[in-house]
Protein backbone atom coordinates (compact mmCIF):
# COMPACT_ATOMS: atom_id res chain seq x y z
CA UNK A 1 -10.57 -9.75 -19.64
CA UNK A 2 -8.39 -11.03 -16.85
CA UNK A 3 -4.82 -12.19 -16.45
CA UNK A 4 -3.88 -14.82 -19.04
CA UNK A 5 -3.80 -18.54 -18.42
CA UNK A 6 -0.12 -19.48 -18.06
CA UNK A 7 1.46 -22.83 -17.24
CA UNK A 8 4.76 -22.96 -15.35
CA UNK A 9 7.60 -21.18 -17.11
CA UNK A 10 10.93 -19.75 -15.95
CA UNK A 11 10.30 -16.25 -14.58
CA UNK A 12 13.76 -15.39 -15.89
CA UNK A 13 12.27 -15.57 -19.42
CA UNK A 14 10.62 -12.21 -18.65
CA UNK A 15 12.95 -9.22 -18.73
CA UNK A 16 13.28 -6.46 -16.14
CA UNK A 17 12.04 -3.00 -17.10
CA UNK A 18 12.40 0.36 -15.36
CA UNK A 19 9.35 1.31 -13.30
CA UNK A 20 7.43 4.48 -14.10
CA UNK A 21 8.05 7.42 -11.81
CA UNK A 22 10.83 9.68 -10.67
CA UNK A 23 13.03 7.08 -8.99
CA UNK A 24 15.98 5.31 -10.56
CA UNK A 25 16.76 1.88 -9.17
CA UNK A 26 13.27 0.37 -9.35
CA UNK A 27 12.73 -2.35 -11.95
CA UNK A 28 9.87 -4.76 -12.47
CA UNK A 29 9.33 -8.11 -14.12
CA UNK A 30 5.67 -8.35 -15.17
CA UNK A 31 4.67 -12.01 -15.01
CA UNK A 32 0.97 -11.58 -15.85
CA UNK A 33 -1.10 -8.51 -16.62
CA UNK A 34 -4.78 -7.69 -16.85
CA UNK A 35 -4.75 -4.68 -19.19
CA UNK A 36 -8.47 -3.98 -18.82
CA UNK A 37 -8.31 -3.68 -15.02
CA UNK A 38 -4.76 -2.26 -14.94
CA UNK A 39 -3.41 -4.85 -12.47
CA UNK A 40 -0.52 -7.28 -12.63
CA UNK A 41 1.49 -9.96 -10.94
CA UNK A 42 5.09 -8.86 -10.81
CA UNK A 43 8.48 -9.02 -9.19
CA UNK A 44 9.92 -5.67 -8.08
CA UNK A 45 13.60 -4.96 -7.49
CA UNK A 46 15.04 -2.12 -5.45
CA UNK A 47 18.69 -1.67 -6.42
CA UNK A 48 21.00 -1.10 -3.44
CA UNK A 49 20.67 2.51 -2.30
CA UNK A 50 17.21 3.09 -3.82
CA UNK A 51 15.14 5.77 -2.08
CA UNK A 52 11.56 6.28 -3.29
CA UNK A 53 10.99 9.58 -1.47
CA UNK A 54 10.59 11.38 -4.82
CA UNK A 55 7.54 9.21 -5.59
CA UNK A 56 5.95 10.14 -2.24
CA UNK A 57 3.37 8.11 -0.38
CA UNK A 58 1.68 5.50 -2.58
CA UNK A 59 -2.08 4.93 -2.63
CA UNK A 60 -3.86 2.86 -5.26
CA UNK A 61 -7.36 1.66 -6.06
CA UNK A 62 -6.60 -2.08 -6.17
CA UNK A 63 -5.63 -4.81 -3.71
CA UNK A 64 -1.91 -5.53 -3.43
CA UNK A 65 -0.23 -8.48 -1.75
CA UNK A 66 3.56 -8.30 -1.34
CA UNK A 67 6.05 -10.96 -0.25
CA UNK A 68 9.70 -10.02 0.24
CA UNK A 69 11.88 -12.63 -1.47
CA UNK A 70 15.33 -11.14 -0.83
CA UNK A 71 16.87 -8.22 1.03
CA UNK A 72 14.91 -5.55 2.86
CA UNK A 73 13.13 -2.22 2.59
CA UNK A 74 12.68 0.49 5.19
CA UNK A 75 9.32 2.23 5.46
CA UNK A 76 10.44 5.82 6.03
CA UNK A 77 7.28 7.20 7.74
CA UNK A 78 7.14 4.18 10.07
CA UNK A 79 10.94 4.01 10.46
CA UNK A 80 10.61 0.22 10.26
CA UNK A 81 12.59 -2.33 8.26
CA UNK A 82 10.85 -5.22 6.53
CA UNK A 83 12.96 -8.23 5.54
CA UNK A 84 12.91 -11.39 3.41
CA UNK A 85 10.07 -13.70 4.38
CA UNK A 86 7.72 -10.89 5.42
CA UNK A 87 4.30 -10.36 3.81
CA UNK A 88 1.83 -7.48 3.45
CA UNK A 89 -1.78 -7.33 2.23
CA UNK A 90 -2.90 -3.81 1.29
CA UNK A 91 -6.53 -2.95 0.55
CA UNK A 92 -7.43 -0.17 -1.87
CA UNK A 93 -6.72 3.25 -0.37
CA UNK A 94 -4.05 2.09 2.11
CA UNK A 95 -1.14 4.54 2.27
CA UNK A 96 2.36 3.04 2.14
CA UNK A 97 5.91 4.22 1.57
CA UNK A 98 8.06 5.95 0.67
CA UNK A 99 10.79 3.35 1.03
CA UNK A 100 14.55 3.11 1.22
CA UNK A 101 16.58 -0.02 0.48
CA UNK A 102 20.24 0.41 1.47
CA UNK A 103 21.25 -3.13 0.43
CA UNK A 104 18.58 -3.91 -2.19
CA UNK A 105 15.35 -5.89 -2.20
CA UNK A 106 13.28 -8.21 -4.42
CA UNK A 107 9.53 -8.61 -3.88
CA UNK A 108 6.77 -10.71 -5.43
CA UNK A 109 3.48 -8.82 -5.80
CA UNK A 110 -0.05 -9.79 -6.77
CA UNK A 111 -2.41 -6.95 -7.64
CA UNK A 112 -6.11 -7.41 -8.26
CA UNK A 113 -9.54 -5.82 -8.08
CA UNK A 114 -12.53 -7.27 -6.27
CA UNK A 115 -15.88 -6.69 -7.88
CA UNK A 116 -18.54 -5.74 -5.39
CA UNK A 117 -22.11 -6.77 -5.89
CA UNK A 118 -24.74 -4.06 -5.83
CA UNK A 119 -27.76 -4.74 -3.60
């Protein structure tokens, strides 16, 4: 299975839900999901003041592309702020975070897996 075929629809038709983990202030709007491969396309919101230190450094086994729509996040280990209009492409295994968002942030994320061919 893969993500479903969807024609244009208002993203606002999909509700926000609290993200798993130890951190309050993170909510997601899942726009499309591939249950079999455990990947999704989503919007992620950091409420003002959110600090993801309790979740630690994040590493996952899928590709993740992130575009910041609004606000900003601060990568705590890098001590660098990333703002609206910035983009990241993270391969499987790339360490990132934890983050802090003093004023809040909204991102758009596409997560996927790439099948490798065996020789």
